[in-house]
Amino acid sequence: MEKAPKEKILKEAAILRESFPNARCTLDFKNRFELLVCTVLSAQTTDRRVNLVSPALFASFPTPASMARAGEGEIEKIIRPLGMYRAKGESLRELSRQIEEGGGEVPGTMEALTRLRGVGRKTANVVLAEGFAVPGFPVDTHVTRVTSRLRWHSQWNRPHPDPVEIEKELCATFPPKEWITMSHTLIAFGRKVCHAKSPDCAICPLKDLCPFVKRG
């Protein structure tokens, strides 16, 4: 079956924006470097848990130069509660080294950001939108799940839809000024209502429109 018509997508998007008017980035950060680090750390965990460990991390390693010089295990000891701490620690050391070698500033383009260790399109889009005011549509697991259930993209019925293709279709559906807000809205909806295993369809603002709840 084809994806939902654009008119239906925009109607559902408006309902979600009304239901989650305060949706925003929930990571705590003071500058672009902290934003980048926190976004890398947020993989496979919650922003709330990242916010619990990030103050200690930045107290010890406030700059790319200091984080690049961190000894083996120093970063990992702080971020261990987040899971995947070895891989994340190595990524943070390496991307900090790359930034320092590039002049010490977080880059402001998709191409440059995705050359950094551990940085994919989702992380880069967050940094661009929140740190540089450059339009971006981050597609994480929540956005993928919700938009698949609502059939907002042509890969909705695939078991493993491509986030890059989802991003392209969503960017074509919404104007650039709405991309980051729509992403945050979908993430909030996914976290609070449209859960992966047990979606709370009874309280869903889209329950009368959603093909997933009707099928379920």
N, C-alpha and C. Protein backbone atom coordinates (compact mmCIF):
# COMPACT_ATOMS: atom_id res chain seq x y z
N MET A 1 0.83 -1.20 0.00
CA MET A 1 0.00 0.00 0.00
C MET A 1 0.87 1.26 0.00
N GLU A 2 0.34 2.33 -0.56
CA GLU A 2 1.07 3.57 -0.64
C GLU A 2 1.08 4.29 0.70
N LYS A 3 1.96 5.27 0.79
CA LYS A 3 2.00 6.07 2.01
C LYS A 3 0.78 6.98 2.07
N ALA A 4 0.56 7.57 3.22
CA ALA A 4 -0.58 8.44 3.43
C ALA A 4 -0.50 9.67 2.53
N PRO A 5 -1.64 10.20 2.10
CA PRO A 5 -1.63 11.43 1.30
C PRO A 5 -1.06 12.60 2.11
N LYS A 6 -0.47 13.55 1.42
CA LYS A 6 0.15 14.68 2.11
C LYS A 6 -0.86 15.44 2.96
N GLU A 7 -2.08 15.59 2.46
CA GLU A 7 -3.11 16.31 3.22
C GLU A 7 -3.37 15.65 4.56
N LYS A 8 -3.42 14.31 4.58
CA LYS A 8 -3.64 13.58 5.82
C LYS A 8 -2.44 13.71 6.75
N ILE A 9 -1.24 13.65 6.18
CA ILE A 9 -0.02 13.80 6.99
C ILE A 9 0.00 15.16 7.68
N LEU A 10 -0.31 16.21 6.94
CA LEU A 10 -0.29 17.56 7.51
C LEU A 10 -1.37 17.73 8.57
N LYS A 11 -2.52 17.10 8.37
CA LYS A 11 -3.58 17.15 9.37
C LYS A 11 -3.13 16.47 10.66
N GLU A 12 -2.53 15.31 10.54
CA GLU A 12 -2.05 14.58 11.72
C GLU A 12 -0.91 15.33 12.40
N ALA A 13 -0.05 15.95 11.60
CA ALA A 13 1.06 16.72 12.16
C ALA A 13 0.54 17.89 12.98
N ALA A 14 -0.49 18.55 12.50
CA ALA A 14 -1.07 19.68 13.23
C ALA A 14 -1.66 19.23 14.57
N ILE A 15 -2.29 18.07 14.57
CA ILE A 15 -2.86 17.53 15.81
C ILE A 15 -1.74 17.21 16.80
N LEU A 16 -0.67 16.63 16.32
CA LEU A 16 0.45 16.30 17.20
C LEU A 16 1.10 17.56 17.77
N ARG A 17 1.24 18.59 16.95
CA ARG A 17 1.83 19.84 17.45
C ARG A 17 0.96 20.46 18.53
N GLU A 18 -0.35 20.38 18.37
CA GLU A 18 -1.27 20.89 19.39
C GLU A 18 -1.18 20.05 20.66
N SER A 19 -0.95 18.77 20.51
CA SER A 19 -0.90 17.86 21.66
C SER A 19 0.42 17.95 22.41
N PHE A 20 1.49 18.33 21.71
CA PHE A 20 2.82 18.43 22.32
C PHE A 20 3.44 19.79 21.98
N PRO A 21 2.83 20.87 22.50
CA PRO A 21 3.28 22.22 22.11
C PRO A 21 4.65 22.60 22.64
N ASN A 22 5.11 21.90 23.66
CA ASN A 22 6.40 22.24 24.27
C ASN A 22 7.52 21.28 23.88
N ALA A 23 7.30 20.50 22.84
CA ALA A 23 8.33 19.55 22.41
C ALA A 23 9.60 20.30 22.01
N ARG A 24 10.72 19.84 22.52
CA ARG A 24 12.01 20.50 22.26
C ARG A 24 13.13 19.52 22.54
N CYS A 25 14.35 19.95 22.28
CA CYS A 25 15.52 19.16 22.65
C CYS A 25 15.62 19.12 24.16
N THR A 26 15.72 17.94 24.74
CA THR A 26 15.74 17.81 26.20
C THR A 26 17.14 17.53 26.75
N LEU A 27 18.15 17.65 25.91
CA LEU A 27 19.52 17.54 26.39
C LEU A 27 19.97 18.87 26.99
N ASP A 28 20.73 18.81 28.07
CA ASP A 28 21.28 20.02 28.69
C ASP A 28 22.67 20.30 28.10
N PHE A 29 22.86 21.49 27.57
CA PHE A 29 24.16 21.85 27.00
C PHE A 29 24.34 23.36 27.02
N LYS A 30 25.60 23.79 27.03
CA LYS A 30 25.91 25.22 27.08
C LYS A 30 26.55 25.73 25.80
N ASN A 31 27.04 24.84 24.96
CA ASN A 31 27.70 25.26 23.73
C ASN A 31 27.63 24.12 22.71
N ARG A 32 28.15 24.37 21.52
CA ARG A 32 28.04 23.39 20.44
C ARG A 32 28.81 22.11 20.74
N PHE A 33 29.94 22.23 21.39
CA PHE A 33 30.70 21.03 21.71
C PHE A 33 29.92 20.15 22.69
N GLU A 34 29.35 20.76 23.71
CA GLU A 34 28.55 19.99 24.67
C GLU A 34 27.34 19.37 23.97
N LEU A 35 26.72 20.10 23.06
CA LEU A 35 25.58 19.57 22.32
C LEU A 35 25.99 18.34 21.52
N LEU A 36 27.11 18.43 20.83
CA LEU A 36 27.60 17.30 20.04
C LEU A 36 27.88 16.10 20.91
N VAL A 37 28.60 16.30 21.99
CA VAL A 37 28.95 15.20 22.89
C VAL A 37 27.69 14.56 23.48
N CYS A 38 26.76 15.38 23.94
CA CYS A 38 25.54 14.84 24.55
C CYS A 38 24.71 14.07 23.54
N THR A 39 24.68 14.53 22.31
CA THR A 39 23.90 13.83 21.29
C THR A 39 24.53 12.48 20.96
N VAL A 40 25.85 12.43 20.91
CA VAL A 40 26.54 11.14 20.71
C VAL A 40 26.23 10.21 21.88
N LEU A 41 26.26 10.73 23.09
CA LEU A 41 25.99 9.91 24.27
C LEU A 41 24.56 9.41 24.33
N SER A 42 23.63 10.12 23.69
CA SER A 42 22.21 9.79 23.82
C SER A 42 21.80 8.54 23.05
N ALA A 43 22.70 7.99 22.24
CA ALA A 43 22.38 6.78 21.48
C ALA A 43 22.05 5.63 22.42
N GLN A 44 20.92 4.99 22.20
CA GLN A 44 20.49 3.82 22.96
C GLN A 44 20.30 4.10 24.45
N THR A 45 20.01 5.35 24.79
CA THR A 45 19.67 5.68 26.18
C THR A 45 18.76 6.89 26.15
N THR A 46 18.44 7.44 27.31
CA THR A 46 17.53 8.58 27.37
C THR A 46 18.29 9.88 27.60
N ASP A 47 17.68 10.97 27.18
CA ASP A 47 18.29 12.28 27.42
C ASP A 47 18.41 12.54 28.92
N ARG A 48 17.45 12.07 29.68
CA ARG A 48 17.49 12.28 31.13
C ARG A 48 18.74 11.65 31.73
N ARG A 49 19.07 10.45 31.29
CA ARG A 49 20.27 9.78 31.83
C ARG A 49 21.54 10.49 31.38
N VAL A 50 21.54 10.99 30.15
CA VAL A 50 22.70 11.75 29.68
C VAL A 50 22.89 13.00 30.53
N ASN A 51 21.78 13.67 30.85
CA ASN A 51 21.86 14.90 31.65
C ASN A 51 22.38 14.64 33.06
N LEU A 52 22.26 13.42 33.53
CA LEU A 52 22.76 13.09 34.87
C LEU A 52 24.28 12.96 34.90
N VAL A 53 24.87 12.53 33.80
CA VAL A 53 26.33 12.31 33.80
C VAL A 53 27.11 13.44 33.12
N SER A 54 26.44 14.21 32.26
CA SER A 54 27.18 15.22 31.48
C SER A 54 27.83 16.31 32.33
N PRO A 55 27.23 16.77 33.45
CA PRO A 55 27.93 17.79 34.24
C PRO A 55 29.31 17.34 34.72
N ALA A 56 29.41 16.10 35.18
CA ALA A 56 30.71 15.59 35.64
C ALA A 56 31.67 15.43 34.47
N LEU A 57 31.15 15.02 33.32
CA LEU A 57 32.00 14.85 32.14
C LEU A 57 32.60 16.18 31.71
N PHE A 58 31.78 17.22 31.64
CA PHE A 58 32.27 18.51 31.17
C PHE A 58 33.07 19.26 32.25
N ALA A 59 32.86 18.91 33.50
CA ALA A 59 33.70 19.48 34.55
C ALA A 59 35.14 18.98 34.40
N SER A 60 35.28 17.74 33.97
CA SER A 60 36.61 17.16 33.77
C SER A 60 37.19 17.46 32.40
N PHE A 61 36.31 17.50 31.38
CA PHE A 61 36.77 17.67 30.00
C PHE A 61 35.88 18.71 29.30
N PRO A 62 36.12 19.99 29.54
CA PRO A 62 35.22 21.03 29.02
C PRO A 62 35.43 21.40 27.56
N THR A 63 36.55 21.00 26.97
CA THR A 63 36.88 21.41 25.60
C THR A 63 37.29 20.21 24.76
N PRO A 64 37.28 20.36 23.43
CA PRO A 64 37.79 19.27 22.59
C PRO A 64 39.23 18.90 22.92
N ALA A 65 40.06 19.90 23.22
CA ALA A 65 41.46 19.62 23.53
C ALA A 65 41.60 18.76 24.77
N SER A 66 40.86 19.10 25.81
CA SER A 66 40.96 18.33 27.06
C SER A 66 40.38 16.94 26.91
N MET A 67 39.29 16.82 26.16
CA MET A 67 38.68 15.50 25.97
C MET A 67 39.56 14.62 25.09
N ALA A 68 40.22 15.22 24.12
CA ALA A 68 41.12 14.46 23.25
C ALA A 68 42.29 13.88 24.03
N ARG A 69 42.69 14.57 25.09
CA ARG A 69 43.83 14.13 25.90
C ARG A 69 43.42 13.20 27.04
N ALA A 70 42.15 12.91 27.17
CA ALA A 70 41.68 12.05 28.26
C ALA A 70 42.35 10.68 28.19
N GLY A 71 42.78 10.21 29.33
CA GLY A 71 43.42 8.90 29.39
C GLY A 71 42.43 7.77 29.20
N GLU A 72 42.95 6.61 28.85
CA GLU A 72 42.09 5.45 28.64
C GLU A 72 41.32 5.14 29.92
N GLY A 73 40.02 5.07 29.79
CA GLY A 73 39.16 4.75 30.92
C GLY A 73 38.62 5.95 31.67
N GLU A 74 39.19 7.14 31.47
CA GLU A 74 38.74 8.31 32.23
C GLU A 74 37.34 8.76 31.82
N ILE A 75 37.10 8.84 30.52
CA ILE A 75 35.76 9.18 30.04
C ILE A 75 34.80 8.04 30.35
N GLU A 76 35.25 6.83 30.10
CA GLU A 76 34.39 5.65 30.28
C GLU A 76 33.89 5.53 31.71
N LYS A 77 34.70 5.87 32.67
CA LYS A 77 34.30 5.78 34.08
C LYS A 77 33.11 6.68 34.36
N ILE A 78 33.09 7.85 33.74
CA ILE A 78 32.01 8.80 33.97
C ILE A 78 30.73 8.40 33.25
N ILE A 79 30.86 7.93 32.01
CA ILE A 79 29.67 7.66 31.20
C ILE A 79 29.20 6.21 31.28
N ARG A 80 29.83 5.41 32.11
CA ARG A 80 29.48 3.99 32.21
C ARG A 80 27.98 3.74 32.43
N PRO A 81 27.27 4.55 33.25
CA PRO A 81 25.84 4.28 33.46
C PRO A 81 24.99 4.35 32.20
N LEU A 82 25.52 4.92 31.13
CA LEU A 82 24.73 5.10 29.91
C LEU A 82 24.72 3.87 29.02
N GLY A 83 25.62 2.92 29.26
CA GLY A 83 25.73 1.78 28.37
C GLY A 83 26.57 2.11 27.15
N MET A 84 27.10 1.09 26.52
CA MET A 84 27.97 1.24 25.34
C MET A 84 29.10 2.22 25.64
N TYR A 85 29.54 2.23 26.89
CA TYR A 85 30.46 3.27 27.34
C TYR A 85 31.85 3.15 26.71
N ARG A 86 32.28 1.95 26.38
CA ARG A 86 33.60 1.81 25.75
C ARG A 86 33.60 2.42 24.35
N ALA A 87 32.60 2.06 23.55
CA ALA A 87 32.52 2.59 22.19
C ALA A 87 32.30 4.10 22.21
N LYS A 88 31.44 4.56 23.10
CA LYS A 88 31.16 5.99 23.18
C LYS A 88 32.39 6.76 23.66
N GLY A 89 33.10 6.21 24.62
CA GLY A 89 34.30 6.87 25.12
C GLY A 89 35.35 7.02 24.04
N GLU A 90 35.55 5.96 23.26
CA GLU A 90 36.53 6.03 22.17
C GLU A 90 36.09 7.03 21.11
N SER A 91 34.78 7.05 20.81
CA SER A 91 34.27 8.01 19.83
C SER A 91 34.50 9.44 20.30
N LEU A 92 34.25 9.70 21.58
CA LEU A 92 34.41 11.06 22.09
C LEU A 92 35.87 11.51 22.05
N ARG A 93 36.77 10.62 22.40
CA ARG A 93 38.20 10.97 22.32
C ARG A 93 38.61 11.28 20.88
N GLU A 94 38.18 10.42 19.96
CA GLU A 94 38.60 10.58 18.57
C GLU A 94 37.95 11.81 17.92
N LEU A 95 36.64 12.00 18.13
CA LEU A 95 36.01 13.17 17.50
C LEU A 95 36.55 14.46 18.09
N SER A 96 36.92 14.44 19.37
CA SER A 96 37.53 15.62 19.98
C SER A 96 38.89 15.90 19.35
N ARG A 97 39.64 14.84 19.09
CA ARG A 97 40.94 15.00 18.42
C ARG A 97 40.75 15.57 17.02
N GLN A 98 39.74 15.07 16.31
CA GLN A 98 39.47 15.56 14.96
C GLN A 98 39.09 17.05 14.98
N ILE A 99 38.25 17.42 15.95
CA ILE A 99 37.84 18.82 16.06
C ILE A 99 39.04 19.70 16.37
N GLU A 100 39.87 19.25 17.30
CA GLU A 100 41.05 20.03 17.69
C GLU A 100 42.01 20.19 16.51
N GLU A 101 42.20 19.14 15.76
CA GLU A 101 43.08 19.21 14.59
C GLU A 101 42.50 20.11 13.50
N GLY A 102 41.16 20.26 13.51
CA GLY A 102 40.51 21.11 12.51
C GLY A 102 40.37 22.56 12.93
N GLY A 103 40.93 22.92 14.07
CA GLY A 103 40.87 24.31 14.51
C GLY A 103 40.18 24.53 15.84
N GLY A 104 39.61 23.47 16.40
CA GLY A 104 39.04 23.57 17.74
C GLY A 104 37.56 23.91 17.81
N GLU A 105 36.92 24.11 16.65
CA GLU A 105 35.50 24.46 16.63
C GLU A 105 34.68 23.33 16.01
N VAL A 106 33.49 23.09 16.56
CA VAL A 106 32.59 22.10 15.98
C VAL A 106 32.19 22.57 14.58
N PRO A 107 32.34 21.72 13.57
CA PRO A 107 32.00 22.14 12.20
C PRO A 107 30.50 22.33 12.03
N GLY A 108 30.13 23.14 11.05
CA GLY A 108 28.73 23.49 10.85
C GLY A 108 28.12 23.02 9.55
N THR A 109 28.65 21.93 8.99
CA THR A 109 28.05 21.35 7.79
C THR A 109 27.83 19.86 7.99
N MET A 110 26.86 19.32 7.27
CA MET A 110 26.57 17.90 7.35
C MET A 110 27.80 17.08 6.95
N GLU A 111 28.45 17.48 5.88
CA GLU A 111 29.61 16.73 5.39
C GLU A 111 30.72 16.67 6.44
N ALA A 112 31.03 17.81 7.04
CA ALA A 112 32.12 17.85 8.02
C ALA A 112 31.74 17.13 9.30
N LEU A 113 30.52 17.27 9.74
CA LEU A 113 30.09 16.62 10.98
C LEU A 113 30.11 15.10 10.84
N THR A 114 29.64 14.59 9.73
CA THR A 114 29.57 13.13 9.57
C THR A 114 30.93 12.50 9.30
N ARG A 115 31.96 13.32 9.15
CA ARG A 115 33.32 12.78 9.09
C ARG A 115 33.88 12.54 10.49
N LEU A 116 33.22 13.07 11.50
CA LEU A 116 33.68 12.88 12.87
C LEU A 116 33.32 11.47 13.35
N ARG A 117 34.16 10.91 14.18
CA ARG A 117 33.95 9.56 14.71
C ARG A 117 32.64 9.50 15.49
N GLY A 118 31.80 8.53 15.15
CA GLY A 118 30.58 8.29 15.88
C GLY A 118 29.43 9.23 15.56
N VAL A 119 29.57 10.04 14.51
CA VAL A 119 28.54 11.02 14.16
C VAL A 119 27.87 10.62 12.85
N GLY A 120 26.58 10.29 12.92
CA GLY A 120 25.79 9.99 11.74
C GLY A 120 24.88 11.15 11.40
N ARG A 121 23.98 10.94 10.46
CA ARG A 121 23.10 12.02 10.01
C ARG A 121 22.18 12.50 11.12
N LYS A 122 21.69 11.58 11.94
CA LYS A 122 20.77 12.00 13.01
C LYS A 122 21.47 12.96 13.96
N THR A 123 22.65 12.58 14.43
CA THR A 123 23.40 13.44 15.34
C THR A 123 23.76 14.76 14.67
N ALA A 124 24.20 14.69 13.42
CA ALA A 124 24.57 15.90 12.70
C ALA A 124 23.39 16.84 12.54
N ASN A 125 22.21 16.30 12.24
CA ASN A 125 21.03 17.13 12.10
C ASN A 125 20.66 17.83 13.40
N VAL A 126 20.82 17.13 14.53
CA VAL A 126 20.55 17.75 15.83
C VAL A 126 21.51 18.92 16.06
N VAL A 127 22.78 18.69 15.81
CA VAL A 127 23.79 19.74 16.03
C VAL A 127 23.56 20.92 15.10
N LEU A 128 23.25 20.66 13.85
CA LEU A 128 23.01 21.75 12.90
C LEU A 128 21.79 22.57 13.29
N ALA A 129 20.70 21.88 13.65
CA ALA A 129 19.45 22.59 13.96
C ALA A 129 19.53 23.33 15.28
N GLU A 130 20.05 22.66 16.32
CA GLU A 130 20.06 23.25 17.65
C GLU A 130 21.27 24.16 17.88
N GLY A 131 22.38 23.86 17.21
CA GLY A 131 23.60 24.62 17.45
C GLY A 131 23.90 25.70 16.43
N PHE A 132 23.38 25.53 15.20
CA PHE A 132 23.70 26.47 14.13
C PHE A 132 22.46 27.10 13.49
N ALA A 133 21.27 26.71 13.94
CA ALA A 133 20.02 27.20 13.35
C ALA A 133 19.93 26.86 11.86
N VAL A 134 20.53 25.74 11.49
CA VAL A 134 20.45 25.24 10.12
C VAL A 134 19.35 24.19 10.07
N PRO A 135 18.36 24.32 9.18
CA PRO A 135 17.27 23.36 9.15
C PRO A 135 17.75 21.92 9.04
N GLY A 136 17.20 21.07 9.88
CA GLY A 136 17.54 19.66 9.86
C GLY A 136 16.39 18.85 10.42
N PHE A 137 16.24 17.61 9.96
CA PHE A 137 15.15 16.74 10.44
C PHE A 137 15.77 15.46 10.99
N PRO A 138 16.16 15.47 12.27
CA PRO A 138 16.74 14.26 12.87
C PRO A 138 15.74 13.10 12.86
N VAL A 139 16.18 11.97 12.38
CA VAL A 139 15.34 10.77 12.35
C VAL A 139 15.95 9.72 13.26
N ASP A 140 15.35 9.54 14.43
CA ASP A 140 15.82 8.52 15.37
C ASP A 140 14.84 7.36 15.38
N THR A 141 14.96 6.47 16.35
CA THR A 141 14.08 5.30 16.38
C THR A 141 12.62 5.68 16.63
N HIS A 142 12.40 6.73 17.43
CA HIS A 142 11.02 7.18 17.68
C HIS A 142 10.39 7.72 16.39
N VAL A 143 11.11 8.57 15.69
CA VAL A 143 10.60 9.14 14.45
C VAL A 143 10.35 8.04 13.42
N THR A 144 11.26 7.10 13.33
CA THR A 144 11.09 5.99 12.39
C THR A 144 9.85 5.17 12.72
N ARG A 145 9.68 4.83 13.99
CA ARG A 145 8.54 4.01 14.41
C ARG A 145 7.22 4.73 14.19
N VAL A 146 7.13 5.97 14.65
CA VAL A 146 5.87 6.71 14.57
C VAL A 146 5.48 6.97 13.11
N THR A 147 6.43 7.43 12.31
CA THR A 147 6.09 7.74 10.92
C THR A 147 5.80 6.48 10.11
N SER A 148 6.36 5.35 10.52
CA SER A 148 6.03 4.08 9.85
C SER A 148 4.61 3.66 10.20
N ARG A 149 4.24 3.77 11.46
CA ARG A 149 2.89 3.40 11.87
C ARG A 149 1.84 4.30 11.23
N LEU A 150 2.18 5.56 11.04
CA LEU A 150 1.25 6.51 10.43
C LEU A 150 1.33 6.50 8.90
N ARG A 151 2.30 5.77 8.37
CA ARG A 151 2.50 5.66 6.92
C ARG A 151 2.85 7.02 6.29
N TRP A 152 3.71 7.74 6.97
CA TRP A 152 4.13 9.05 6.46
C TRP A 152 5.23 8.94 5.41
N HIS A 153 5.73 7.76 5.16
CA HIS A 153 6.77 7.57 4.15
C HIS A 153 6.52 6.26 3.42
N SER A 154 7.17 6.09 2.28
CA SER A 154 6.89 4.95 1.40
C SER A 154 7.48 3.64 1.89
N GLN A 155 8.33 3.68 2.91
CA GLN A 155 8.92 2.45 3.45
C GLN A 155 8.22 1.99 4.73
N TRP A 156 7.04 2.47 4.96
CA TRP A 156 6.36 2.23 6.24
C TRP A 156 6.16 0.75 6.55
N ASN A 157 6.02 -0.10 5.52
CA ASN A 157 5.74 -1.52 5.76
C ASN A 157 6.99 -2.39 5.74
N ARG A 158 8.16 -1.78 5.65
CA ARG A 158 9.40 -2.55 5.68
C ARG A 158 9.83 -2.80 7.12
N PRO A 159 10.41 -3.97 7.40
CA PRO A 159 10.85 -4.25 8.78
C PRO A 159 11.98 -3.34 9.24
N HIS A 160 12.82 -2.89 8.30
CA HIS A 160 13.94 -2.02 8.66
C HIS A 160 14.03 -0.87 7.65
N PRO A 161 13.14 0.11 7.77
CA PRO A 161 13.17 1.23 6.83
C PRO A 161 14.45 2.05 6.96
N ASP A 162 14.86 2.64 5.87
CA ASP A 162 16.10 3.41 5.81
C ASP A 162 15.88 4.82 6.36
N PRO A 163 16.55 5.19 7.46
CA PRO A 163 16.36 6.52 8.04
C PRO A 163 16.69 7.66 7.07
N VAL A 164 17.65 7.44 6.19
CA VAL A 164 18.02 8.48 5.23
C VAL A 164 16.87 8.74 4.26
N GLU A 165 16.23 7.67 3.80
CA GLU A 165 15.09 7.83 2.89
C GLU A 165 13.90 8.45 3.61
N ILE A 166 13.70 8.06 4.87
CA ILE A 166 12.63 8.67 5.66
C ILE A 166 12.87 10.16 5.79
N GLU A 167 14.09 10.53 6.11
CA GLU A 167 14.44 11.95 6.24
C GLU A 167 14.13 12.70 4.95
N LYS A 168 14.50 12.14 3.81
CA LYS A 168 14.26 12.80 2.53
C LYS A 168 12.77 13.04 2.30
N GLU A 169 11.96 12.04 2.59
CA GLU A 169 10.53 12.17 2.36
C GLU A 169 9.89 13.15 3.33
N LEU A 170 10.31 13.13 4.58
CA LEU A 170 9.76 14.06 5.56
C LEU A 170 10.16 15.50 5.23
N CYS A 171 11.39 15.68 4.79
CA CYS A 171 11.86 17.01 4.41
C CYS A 171 11.09 17.54 3.20
N ALA A 172 10.64 16.64 2.33
CA ALA A 172 9.86 17.04 1.17
C ALA A 172 8.42 17.36 1.54
N THR A 173 7.97 16.83 2.66
CA THR A 173 6.58 17.03 3.09
C THR A 173 6.40 18.33 3.86
N PHE A 174 7.39 18.67 4.69
CA PHE A 174 7.28 19.84 5.56
C PHE A 174 8.26 20.93 5.12
N PRO A 175 7.91 22.20 5.35
CA PRO A 175 8.86 23.28 5.04
C PRO A 175 10.05 23.25 5.99
N PRO A 176 11.21 23.70 5.55
CA PRO A 176 12.42 23.63 6.37
C PRO A 176 12.27 24.24 7.76
N LYS A 177 11.52 25.31 7.90
CA LYS A 177 11.38 25.96 9.20
C LYS A 177 10.66 25.08 10.22
N GLU A 178 9.98 24.03 9.75
CA GLU A 178 9.24 23.15 10.64
C GLU A 178 9.98 21.85 10.94
N TRP A 179 11.09 21.60 10.28
CA TRP A 179 11.74 20.29 10.39
C TRP A 179 12.10 19.92 11.82
N ILE A 180 12.85 20.77 12.51
CA ILE A 180 13.34 20.40 13.83
C ILE A 180 12.19 20.30 14.84
N THR A 181 11.22 21.22 14.74
CA THR A 181 10.07 21.16 15.65
C THR A 181 9.27 19.90 15.42
N MET A 182 9.09 19.52 14.15
CA MET A 182 8.33 18.31 13.86
C MET A 182 9.06 17.08 14.37
N SER A 183 10.38 17.07 14.24
CA SER A 183 11.16 15.95 14.77
C SER A 183 10.99 15.83 16.28
N HIS A 184 11.12 16.95 16.99
CA HIS A 184 10.94 16.92 18.44
C HIS A 184 9.52 16.49 18.82
N THR A 185 8.54 16.92 18.04
CA THR A 185 7.15 16.55 18.32
C THR A 185 6.95 15.05 18.16
N LEU A 186 7.49 14.48 17.10
CA LEU A 186 7.37 13.04 16.88
C LEU A 186 8.10 12.25 17.95
N ILE A 187 9.24 12.75 18.38
CA ILE A 187 10.00 12.08 19.44
C ILE A 187 9.21 12.10 20.75
N ALA A 188 8.63 13.26 21.09
CA ALA A 188 7.83 13.36 22.31
C ALA A 188 6.64 12.42 22.26
N PHE A 189 5.99 12.36 21.11
CA PHE A 189 4.84 11.47 20.92
C PHE A 189 5.27 10.02 21.06
N GLY A 190 6.41 9.67 20.49
CA GLY A 190 6.90 8.30 20.58
C GLY A 190 7.28 7.91 22.00
N ARG A 191 7.85 8.85 22.74
CA ARG A 191 8.25 8.56 24.12
C ARG A 191 7.05 8.42 25.05
N LYS A 192 6.05 9.26 24.86
CA LYS A 192 4.95 9.35 25.82
C LYS A 192 3.73 8.53 25.46
N VAL A 193 3.51 8.27 24.18
CA VAL A 193 2.28 7.60 23.76
C VAL A 193 2.55 6.40 22.85
N CYS A 194 3.22 6.64 21.74
CA CYS A 194 3.38 5.61 20.71
C CYS A 194 4.63 4.77 20.98
N HIS A 195 4.60 4.04 22.11
CA HIS A 195 5.74 3.24 22.53
C HIS A 195 5.99 2.08 21.56
N ALA A 196 7.20 1.57 21.60
CA ALA A 196 7.58 0.50 20.68
C ALA A 196 6.77 -0.77 20.90
N LYS A 197 6.69 -1.22 22.15
CA LYS A 197 6.07 -2.52 22.43
C LYS A 197 4.60 -2.41 22.83
N SER A 198 4.25 -1.39 23.58
CA SER A 198 2.87 -1.26 24.05
C SER A 198 2.38 0.17 23.85
N PRO A 199 2.07 0.55 22.62
CA PRO A 199 1.58 1.91 22.38
C PRO A 199 0.28 2.15 23.12
N ASP A 200 0.15 3.33 23.69
CA ASP A 200 -1.03 3.68 24.48
C ASP A 200 -2.10 4.26 23.55
N CYS A 201 -2.66 3.40 22.71
CA CYS A 201 -3.59 3.84 21.68
C CYS A 201 -4.86 4.46 22.26
N ALA A 202 -5.22 4.09 23.47
CA ALA A 202 -6.46 4.60 24.07
C ALA A 202 -6.42 6.10 24.28
N ILE A 203 -5.23 6.65 24.55
CA ILE A 203 -5.13 8.08 24.80
C ILE A 203 -4.50 8.83 23.63
N CYS A 204 -4.27 8.14 22.53
CA CYS A 204 -3.59 8.75 21.39
C CYS A 204 -4.46 9.81 20.72
N PRO A 205 -3.91 11.00 20.48
CA PRO A 205 -4.69 12.04 19.81
C PRO A 205 -5.00 11.72 18.35
N LEU A 206 -4.34 10.69 17.82
CA LEU A 206 -4.56 10.29 16.42
C LEU A 206 -5.32 8.97 16.31
N LYS A 207 -5.93 8.53 17.40
CA LYS A 207 -6.53 7.19 17.39
C LYS A 207 -7.64 7.03 16.35
N ASP A 208 -8.27 8.13 15.96
CA ASP A 208 -9.34 8.05 14.96
C ASP A 208 -8.80 8.14 13.53
N LEU A 209 -7.51 8.39 13.40
CA LEU A 209 -6.91 8.54 12.08
C LEU A 209 -5.83 7.50 11.78
N CYS A 210 -5.26 6.93 12.82
CA CYS A 210 -4.09 6.07 12.67
C CYS A 210 -4.44 4.69 12.12
N PRO A 211 -3.82 4.26 11.02
CA PRO A 211 -4.08 2.93 10.48
C PRO A 211 -3.52 1.82 11.36
N PHE A 212 -2.52 2.13 12.17
CA PHE A 212 -1.92 1.12 13.04
C PHE A 212 -2.90 0.71 14.13
N VAL A 213 -3.55 1.68 14.77
CA VAL A 213 -4.47 1.36 15.85
C VAL A 213 -5.71 0.66 15.31
N LYS A 214 -6.13 1.03 14.11
CA LYS A 214 -7.29 0.37 13.52
C LYS A 214 -6.97 -1.08 13.20
N ARG A 215 -5.74 -1.31 12.71
CA ARG A 215 -5.32 -2.66 12.39
C ARG A 215 -5.13 -3.49 13.65
N GLY A 216 -4.57 -2.79 14.71
CA GLY A 216 -4.30 -3.50 15.95
C GLY A 216 -5.56 -3.91 16.67
